[in-house]
N, C-alpha and C. Protein backbone atom coordinates (compact mmCIF):
# COMPACT_ATOMS: atom_id res chain seq x y z
N MET A 1 -1.57 24.96 8.64
CA MET A 1 -2.79 24.32 9.10
C MET A 1 -2.40 23.32 10.20
N HIS A 2 -3.19 23.27 11.22
CA HIS A 2 -2.95 22.37 12.35
C HIS A 2 -3.83 21.12 12.23
N ALA A 3 -3.44 20.07 12.95
CA ALA A 3 -4.20 18.82 12.93
C ALA A 3 -5.64 19.07 13.39
N ALA A 4 -5.82 19.96 14.35
CA ALA A 4 -7.18 20.28 14.83
C ALA A 4 -8.02 20.86 13.70
N ASP A 5 -7.41 21.69 12.86
CA ASP A 5 -8.13 22.28 11.72
C ASP A 5 -8.51 21.21 10.70
N ILE A 6 -7.58 20.31 10.45
CA ILE A 6 -7.84 19.22 9.50
C ILE A 6 -8.97 18.34 10.02
N ALA A 7 -8.91 18.00 11.30
CA ALA A 7 -9.95 17.16 11.91
C ALA A 7 -11.30 17.85 11.83
N ALA A 8 -11.34 19.13 12.16
CA ALA A 8 -12.60 19.87 12.12
C ALA A 8 -13.16 19.91 10.69
N GLU A 9 -12.28 20.15 9.72
CA GLU A 9 -12.70 20.19 8.32
C GLU A 9 -13.25 18.84 7.87
N ALA A 10 -12.67 17.76 8.40
CA ALA A 10 -13.13 16.41 8.06
C ALA A 10 -14.36 15.99 8.86
N GLY A 11 -14.70 16.76 9.87
CA GLY A 11 -15.87 16.44 10.67
C GLY A 11 -15.62 15.36 11.71
N VAL A 12 -14.39 15.26 12.17
CA VAL A 12 -14.04 14.26 13.19
C VAL A 12 -13.32 14.98 14.34
N THR A 13 -13.22 14.29 15.46
CA THR A 13 -12.48 14.87 16.58
C THR A 13 -10.98 14.71 16.32
N GLN A 14 -10.21 15.49 17.04
CA GLN A 14 -8.76 15.39 16.92
C GLN A 14 -8.29 14.00 17.34
N ARG A 15 -8.94 13.43 18.33
CA ARG A 15 -8.59 12.09 18.80
C ARG A 15 -8.80 11.06 17.68
N THR A 16 -9.93 11.15 17.00
CA THR A 16 -10.20 10.25 15.88
C THR A 16 -9.17 10.43 14.78
N PHE A 17 -8.83 11.68 14.49
CA PHE A 17 -7.82 11.96 13.48
C PHE A 17 -6.52 11.24 13.80
N PHE A 18 -6.07 11.35 15.05
CA PHE A 18 -4.79 10.75 15.43
C PHE A 18 -4.86 9.23 15.57
N ARG A 19 -6.05 8.67 15.63
CA ARG A 19 -6.18 7.21 15.57
C ARG A 19 -5.83 6.69 14.18
N HIS A 20 -6.08 7.52 13.18
CA HIS A 20 -5.84 7.11 11.79
C HIS A 20 -4.50 7.58 11.23
N PHE A 21 -4.00 8.69 11.76
CA PHE A 21 -2.76 9.28 11.25
C PHE A 21 -1.87 9.67 12.42
N PRO A 22 -0.60 9.23 12.40
CA PRO A 22 0.30 9.58 13.50
C PRO A 22 0.61 11.08 13.56
N ASP A 23 0.57 11.76 12.41
CA ASP A 23 0.73 13.22 12.39
C ASP A 23 0.04 13.77 11.15
N LYS A 24 -0.09 15.08 11.09
CA LYS A 24 -0.88 15.68 10.01
C LYS A 24 -0.27 15.46 8.63
N ARG A 25 1.04 15.36 8.55
CA ARG A 25 1.68 15.14 7.25
C ARG A 25 1.32 13.78 6.68
N GLU A 26 1.04 12.82 7.54
CA GLU A 26 0.76 11.46 7.10
C GLU A 26 -0.54 11.38 6.30
N VAL A 27 -1.38 12.39 6.40
CA VAL A 27 -2.60 12.43 5.59
C VAL A 27 -2.25 12.31 4.11
N LEU A 28 -1.14 12.91 3.72
CA LEU A 28 -0.72 12.87 2.32
C LEU A 28 -0.10 11.54 1.92
N PHE A 29 0.29 10.75 2.91
CA PHE A 29 1.03 9.52 2.62
C PHE A 29 0.33 8.27 3.12
N GLY A 30 -0.89 8.39 3.56
CA GLY A 30 -1.63 7.23 4.05
C GLY A 30 -1.82 6.19 2.95
N GLY A 31 -2.01 4.96 3.35
CA GLY A 31 -2.23 3.89 2.38
C GLY A 31 -0.97 3.18 1.95
N GLU A 32 0.17 3.59 2.50
CA GLU A 32 1.43 2.96 2.12
C GLU A 32 1.42 1.46 2.40
N ASP A 33 0.87 1.06 3.54
CA ASP A 33 0.82 -0.37 3.89
C ASP A 33 0.03 -1.17 2.86
N VAL A 34 -1.10 -0.63 2.45
CA VAL A 34 -1.94 -1.31 1.45
C VAL A 34 -1.19 -1.40 0.13
N PHE A 35 -0.54 -0.32 -0.27
CA PHE A 35 0.21 -0.28 -1.52
C PHE A 35 1.35 -1.29 -1.52
N ILE A 36 2.14 -1.28 -0.45
CA ILE A 36 3.26 -2.21 -0.35
C ILE A 36 2.77 -3.65 -0.32
N ALA A 37 1.71 -3.92 0.42
CA ALA A 37 1.18 -5.29 0.48
C ALA A 37 0.71 -5.75 -0.90
N ALA A 38 0.05 -4.86 -1.62
CA ALA A 38 -0.42 -5.23 -2.97
C ALA A 38 0.75 -5.55 -3.89
N LEU A 39 1.79 -4.73 -3.84
CA LEU A 39 2.97 -4.98 -4.69
C LEU A 39 3.67 -6.28 -4.32
N THR A 40 3.93 -6.46 -3.04
CA THR A 40 4.68 -7.64 -2.62
C THR A 40 3.87 -8.92 -2.79
N ASN A 41 2.56 -8.84 -2.60
CA ASN A 41 1.72 -10.02 -2.85
C ASN A 41 1.73 -10.39 -4.34
N ALA A 42 1.72 -9.36 -5.20
CA ALA A 42 1.77 -9.63 -6.63
C ALA A 42 3.09 -10.29 -7.01
N VAL A 43 4.19 -9.90 -6.36
CA VAL A 43 5.48 -10.54 -6.62
C VAL A 43 5.42 -11.99 -6.17
N SER A 44 4.93 -12.23 -4.98
CA SER A 44 4.86 -13.59 -4.43
C SER A 44 3.94 -14.49 -5.24
N ASP A 45 2.85 -13.92 -5.76
CA ASP A 45 1.84 -14.72 -6.46
C ASP A 45 2.10 -14.89 -7.95
N ALA A 46 3.12 -14.23 -8.47
CA ALA A 46 3.41 -14.31 -9.91
C ALA A 46 3.83 -15.73 -10.29
N PRO A 47 3.49 -16.15 -11.50
CA PRO A 47 3.88 -17.49 -11.95
C PRO A 47 5.40 -17.68 -11.87
N ALA A 48 5.81 -18.85 -11.49
CA ALA A 48 7.23 -19.16 -11.29
C ALA A 48 8.06 -18.99 -12.56
N ALA A 49 7.46 -19.15 -13.72
CA ALA A 49 8.20 -19.09 -14.98
C ALA A 49 8.62 -17.66 -15.35
N LEU A 50 8.03 -16.67 -14.71
CA LEU A 50 8.36 -15.29 -15.07
C LEU A 50 9.73 -14.88 -14.56
N ARG A 51 10.41 -14.07 -15.37
CA ARG A 51 11.71 -13.53 -14.96
C ARG A 51 11.47 -12.31 -14.07
N PRO A 52 12.49 -11.89 -13.32
CA PRO A 52 12.31 -10.77 -12.38
C PRO A 52 11.68 -9.52 -12.99
N TRP A 53 12.13 -9.12 -14.16
CA TRP A 53 11.57 -7.92 -14.76
C TRP A 53 10.08 -8.10 -15.07
N GLU A 54 9.70 -9.28 -15.53
CA GLU A 54 8.30 -9.56 -15.82
C GLU A 54 7.47 -9.57 -14.54
N VAL A 55 8.05 -10.09 -13.47
CA VAL A 55 7.37 -10.10 -12.17
C VAL A 55 7.14 -8.67 -11.70
N LEU A 56 8.17 -7.85 -11.82
CA LEU A 56 8.06 -6.46 -11.39
C LEU A 56 7.01 -5.70 -12.21
N LEU A 57 7.01 -5.91 -13.51
CA LEU A 57 6.01 -5.27 -14.37
C LEU A 57 4.60 -5.72 -13.98
N ARG A 58 4.45 -7.00 -13.72
CA ARG A 58 3.14 -7.54 -13.31
C ARG A 58 2.70 -6.92 -11.98
N ALA A 59 3.63 -6.78 -11.04
CA ALA A 59 3.32 -6.17 -9.74
C ALA A 59 2.88 -4.72 -9.91
N CYS A 60 3.60 -3.98 -10.75
CA CYS A 60 3.24 -2.57 -10.98
C CYS A 60 1.86 -2.45 -11.62
N ARG A 61 1.58 -3.32 -12.55
CA ARG A 61 0.25 -3.29 -13.19
C ARG A 61 -0.86 -3.65 -12.20
N SER A 62 -0.52 -4.48 -11.21
CA SER A 62 -1.54 -4.90 -10.25
C SER A 62 -2.01 -3.75 -9.35
N VAL A 63 -1.18 -2.72 -9.19
CA VAL A 63 -1.57 -1.60 -8.33
C VAL A 63 -2.12 -0.42 -9.13
N GLU A 64 -2.22 -0.57 -10.42
CA GLU A 64 -2.77 0.50 -11.26
C GLU A 64 -4.13 0.99 -10.76
N PRO A 65 -5.03 0.09 -10.33
CA PRO A 65 -6.33 0.57 -9.83
C PRO A 65 -6.19 1.53 -8.63
N LEU A 66 -5.17 1.35 -7.81
CA LEU A 66 -4.98 2.27 -6.69
C LEU A 66 -4.65 3.67 -7.19
N PHE A 67 -3.88 3.76 -8.26
CA PHE A 67 -3.57 5.07 -8.84
C PHE A 67 -4.80 5.70 -9.48
N VAL A 68 -5.59 4.88 -10.16
CA VAL A 68 -6.79 5.38 -10.80
C VAL A 68 -7.77 5.91 -9.75
N GLU A 69 -7.94 5.15 -8.66
CA GLU A 69 -8.84 5.58 -7.59
C GLU A 69 -8.44 6.92 -6.99
N ASN A 70 -7.14 7.17 -6.92
CA ASN A 70 -6.64 8.37 -6.26
C ASN A 70 -6.22 9.47 -7.23
N ARG A 71 -6.55 9.33 -8.48
CA ARG A 71 -6.14 10.29 -9.50
C ARG A 71 -6.58 11.71 -9.16
N ALA A 72 -7.79 11.88 -8.68
CA ALA A 72 -8.31 13.23 -8.39
C ALA A 72 -7.47 13.95 -7.34
N LEU A 73 -6.91 13.22 -6.41
CA LEU A 73 -6.12 13.84 -5.34
C LEU A 73 -4.65 13.96 -5.68
N SER A 74 -4.18 13.22 -6.66
CA SER A 74 -2.75 13.16 -6.96
C SER A 74 -2.15 14.50 -7.34
N ALA A 75 -2.81 15.26 -8.19
CA ALA A 75 -2.27 16.54 -8.63
C ALA A 75 -2.13 17.50 -7.45
N SER A 76 -3.17 17.60 -6.64
CA SER A 76 -3.11 18.48 -5.46
C SER A 76 -2.02 18.03 -4.51
N ARG A 77 -1.91 16.74 -4.33
CA ARG A 77 -0.90 16.18 -3.43
C ARG A 77 0.50 16.54 -3.92
N ARG A 78 0.75 16.39 -5.23
CA ARG A 78 2.07 16.72 -5.80
C ARG A 78 2.41 18.19 -5.58
N VAL A 79 1.44 19.08 -5.76
CA VAL A 79 1.67 20.52 -5.58
C VAL A 79 2.04 20.82 -4.13
N ILE A 80 1.31 20.22 -3.20
CA ILE A 80 1.58 20.45 -1.77
C ILE A 80 2.96 19.93 -1.40
N ILE A 81 3.29 18.73 -1.84
CA ILE A 81 4.59 18.13 -1.51
C ILE A 81 5.73 18.96 -2.13
N ALA A 82 5.56 19.40 -3.36
CA ALA A 82 6.59 20.18 -4.04
C ALA A 82 6.89 21.50 -3.33
N ALA A 83 5.92 22.02 -2.62
CA ALA A 83 6.07 23.31 -1.94
C ALA A 83 6.72 23.21 -0.56
N HIS A 84 6.94 21.99 -0.05
CA HIS A 84 7.46 21.83 1.31
C HIS A 84 8.60 20.82 1.34
N PRO A 85 9.83 21.28 1.61
CA PRO A 85 10.98 20.37 1.65
C PRO A 85 10.81 19.20 2.63
N THR A 86 10.15 19.44 3.77
CA THR A 86 9.98 18.33 4.71
C THR A 86 9.05 17.26 4.14
N LEU A 87 8.08 17.67 3.36
CA LEU A 87 7.19 16.70 2.72
C LEU A 87 7.91 15.98 1.58
N GLN A 88 8.80 16.68 0.89
CA GLN A 88 9.59 16.05 -0.16
C GLN A 88 10.47 14.96 0.45
N GLU A 89 11.06 15.27 1.59
CA GLU A 89 11.90 14.29 2.28
C GLU A 89 11.07 13.08 2.71
N ARG A 90 9.88 13.32 3.24
CA ARG A 90 9.02 12.22 3.64
C ARG A 90 8.62 11.38 2.43
N ALA A 91 8.33 12.02 1.32
CA ALA A 91 7.97 11.29 0.10
C ALA A 91 9.12 10.40 -0.35
N GLU A 92 10.33 10.92 -0.27
CA GLU A 92 11.51 10.12 -0.64
C GLU A 92 11.68 8.93 0.29
N THR A 93 11.43 9.14 1.58
CA THR A 93 11.52 8.05 2.55
C THR A 93 10.48 6.98 2.24
N LYS A 94 9.29 7.40 1.91
CA LYS A 94 8.22 6.45 1.56
C LYS A 94 8.58 5.68 0.28
N THR A 95 9.16 6.37 -0.69
CA THR A 95 9.57 5.70 -1.93
C THR A 95 10.64 4.66 -1.64
N ARG A 96 11.59 5.00 -0.78
CA ARG A 96 12.64 4.03 -0.41
C ARG A 96 12.03 2.82 0.29
N ALA A 97 10.99 3.02 1.09
CA ALA A 97 10.34 1.90 1.78
C ALA A 97 9.67 0.97 0.77
N VAL A 98 9.05 1.54 -0.25
CA VAL A 98 8.42 0.72 -1.29
C VAL A 98 9.50 -0.06 -2.04
N MET A 99 10.59 0.60 -2.39
CA MET A 99 11.67 -0.07 -3.11
C MET A 99 12.28 -1.18 -2.27
N ALA A 100 12.47 -0.94 -0.99
CA ALA A 100 13.04 -1.97 -0.10
C ALA A 100 12.11 -3.18 0.00
N ALA A 101 10.81 -2.93 0.10
CA ALA A 101 9.85 -4.03 0.19
C ALA A 101 9.83 -4.85 -1.10
N LEU A 102 9.87 -4.17 -2.24
CA LEU A 102 9.91 -4.88 -3.52
C LEU A 102 11.19 -5.68 -3.68
N THR A 103 12.30 -5.09 -3.28
CA THR A 103 13.58 -5.79 -3.35
C THR A 103 13.55 -7.05 -2.50
N ALA A 104 13.04 -6.92 -1.27
CA ALA A 104 12.96 -8.08 -0.38
C ALA A 104 12.05 -9.15 -0.96
N ALA A 105 10.93 -8.75 -1.55
CA ALA A 105 10.00 -9.73 -2.13
C ALA A 105 10.63 -10.44 -3.32
N LEU A 106 11.34 -9.69 -4.16
CA LEU A 106 12.00 -10.31 -5.31
C LEU A 106 13.12 -11.25 -4.87
N ARG A 107 13.87 -10.86 -3.85
CA ARG A 107 14.93 -11.73 -3.34
C ARG A 107 14.35 -13.01 -2.72
N ALA A 108 13.27 -12.85 -1.97
CA ALA A 108 12.63 -14.02 -1.36
C ALA A 108 12.12 -14.96 -2.44
N ARG A 109 11.57 -14.40 -3.50
CA ARG A 109 11.09 -15.21 -4.62
C ARG A 109 12.25 -15.95 -5.27
N HIS A 110 13.35 -15.26 -5.45
CA HIS A 110 14.54 -15.86 -6.06
C HIS A 110 15.07 -17.00 -5.19
N ARG A 111 15.18 -16.77 -3.89
CA ARG A 111 15.65 -17.83 -2.98
C ARG A 111 14.72 -19.02 -3.02
N GLY A 112 13.42 -18.75 -3.06
CA GLY A 112 12.45 -19.83 -3.08
C GLY A 112 12.50 -20.65 -4.35
N SER A 113 12.80 -20.00 -5.47
CA SER A 113 12.81 -20.73 -6.73
C SER A 113 14.12 -21.44 -7.01
N HIS A 114 15.19 -21.01 -6.35
CA HIS A 114 16.49 -21.61 -6.60
C HIS A 114 17.04 -22.36 -5.40
N GLY A 115 16.38 -22.24 -4.27
CA GLY A 115 16.83 -22.94 -3.08
C GLY A 115 18.12 -22.40 -2.51
N ARG A 116 18.50 -21.20 -2.94
CA ARG A 116 19.71 -20.59 -2.40
C ARG A 116 19.55 -19.07 -2.42
N SER A 117 20.43 -18.41 -1.75
CA SER A 117 20.42 -16.96 -1.71
C SER A 117 20.87 -16.39 -3.04
N PRO A 118 20.30 -15.24 -3.44
CA PRO A 118 20.79 -14.63 -4.66
C PRO A 118 22.20 -14.09 -4.46
N HIS A 119 22.88 -13.83 -5.54
CA HIS A 119 24.23 -13.27 -5.49
C HIS A 119 24.19 -11.99 -4.66
N PRO A 120 25.14 -11.79 -3.74
CA PRO A 120 25.09 -10.64 -2.84
C PRO A 120 25.08 -9.29 -3.53
N THR A 121 25.58 -9.20 -4.75
CA THR A 121 25.58 -7.91 -5.44
C THR A 121 24.28 -7.66 -6.17
N GLY A 122 23.39 -8.64 -6.15
CA GLY A 122 22.12 -8.49 -6.85
C GLY A 122 22.19 -8.97 -8.29
N HIS A 123 23.37 -9.42 -8.73
CA HIS A 123 23.51 -9.95 -10.09
C HIS A 123 23.08 -11.41 -10.10
N ASP A 124 23.07 -11.98 -11.27
CA ASP A 124 22.56 -13.34 -11.39
C ASP A 124 23.63 -14.41 -11.19
N GLY A 125 24.79 -14.05 -10.68
CA GLY A 125 25.81 -15.05 -10.39
C GLY A 125 26.79 -15.28 -11.51
N HIS A 126 26.72 -14.50 -12.58
CA HIS A 126 27.64 -14.70 -13.69
C HIS A 126 29.03 -14.13 -13.39
N GLY A 127 29.13 -13.21 -12.49
CA GLY A 127 30.43 -12.71 -12.04
C GLY A 127 31.18 -11.94 -13.10
N SER A 128 32.27 -11.31 -12.70
CA SER A 128 33.03 -10.47 -13.62
C SER A 128 33.95 -11.27 -14.52
N ARG A 129 34.23 -12.54 -14.20
CA ARG A 129 35.12 -13.35 -15.03
C ARG A 129 34.33 -14.28 -15.95
N GLY A 130 33.03 -14.05 -16.08
CA GLY A 130 32.24 -14.85 -16.99
C GLY A 130 31.87 -16.23 -16.45
N ARG A 131 32.13 -16.45 -15.18
CA ARG A 131 31.78 -17.75 -14.60
C ARG A 131 30.35 -17.70 -14.13
N ARG A 132 29.68 -18.82 -14.21
CA ARG A 132 28.30 -18.89 -13.75
C ARG A 132 28.06 -20.22 -13.03
N GLN A 133 27.01 -20.23 -12.24
CA GLN A 133 26.66 -21.44 -11.54
C GLN A 133 25.64 -22.21 -12.35
N THR A 134 25.85 -23.51 -12.50
CA THR A 134 24.91 -24.35 -13.22
C THR A 134 23.77 -24.70 -12.28
N PRO A 135 22.63 -25.22 -12.80
CA PRO A 135 21.52 -25.59 -11.93
C PRO A 135 21.91 -26.57 -10.84
N GLY A 136 22.92 -27.36 -11.06
CA GLY A 136 23.37 -28.31 -10.04
C GLY A 136 24.26 -27.69 -8.98
N GLY A 137 24.55 -26.39 -9.12
CA GLY A 137 25.34 -25.70 -8.12
C GLY A 137 26.84 -25.66 -8.45
N ARG A 138 27.22 -26.24 -9.59
CA ARG A 138 28.64 -26.21 -9.98
C ARG A 138 28.95 -24.90 -10.70
N THR A 139 30.21 -24.50 -10.68
CA THR A 139 30.64 -23.30 -11.38
C THR A 139 31.09 -23.69 -12.77
N ALA A 140 30.57 -22.98 -13.78
CA ALA A 140 30.94 -23.27 -15.17
C ALA A 140 31.82 -22.16 -15.71
C-alpha cells in the first residue's frame, strides 16, 4: 500500500497525510511524543519520597489510559508489525527511545533529589567492595 492509498482511504490529500506523518510506516507508530511526555512527566511529578521502582510503576500506570484508548487498534497493529521485519526494527527503535527517555528522567530525578550525579554504572553507589556514600557525601 502506498501513502497515496492511505491518504485516499482516510479522506485526506497526500500533502495533509505527510504533514502528520513523515512516512507511511509512521502511521503505526504515531503518538510516541505524547507517550514519552506522559511517562517522563509522571516521573518528574512523582512524590520525592518514592523509590525509583515505585516512580517507574507510577509512570507506567499513568499511561494506562493511552493503552485503553488504543486497544481496538493494538491487535491489528501487532499483526502488521509481526509480518514485516522493517516494522519490527522500527518498533524496537521506538521502544529504545522510550527506555532512553525514562532513563534520563529517572537520572534527572535522582540528581535533583541528591544534588549529585548518580553512580555511572546506574547502581546506587554501594560499589563492589560494600562501600557506600553517606548523605553527607563521605564514604562509609
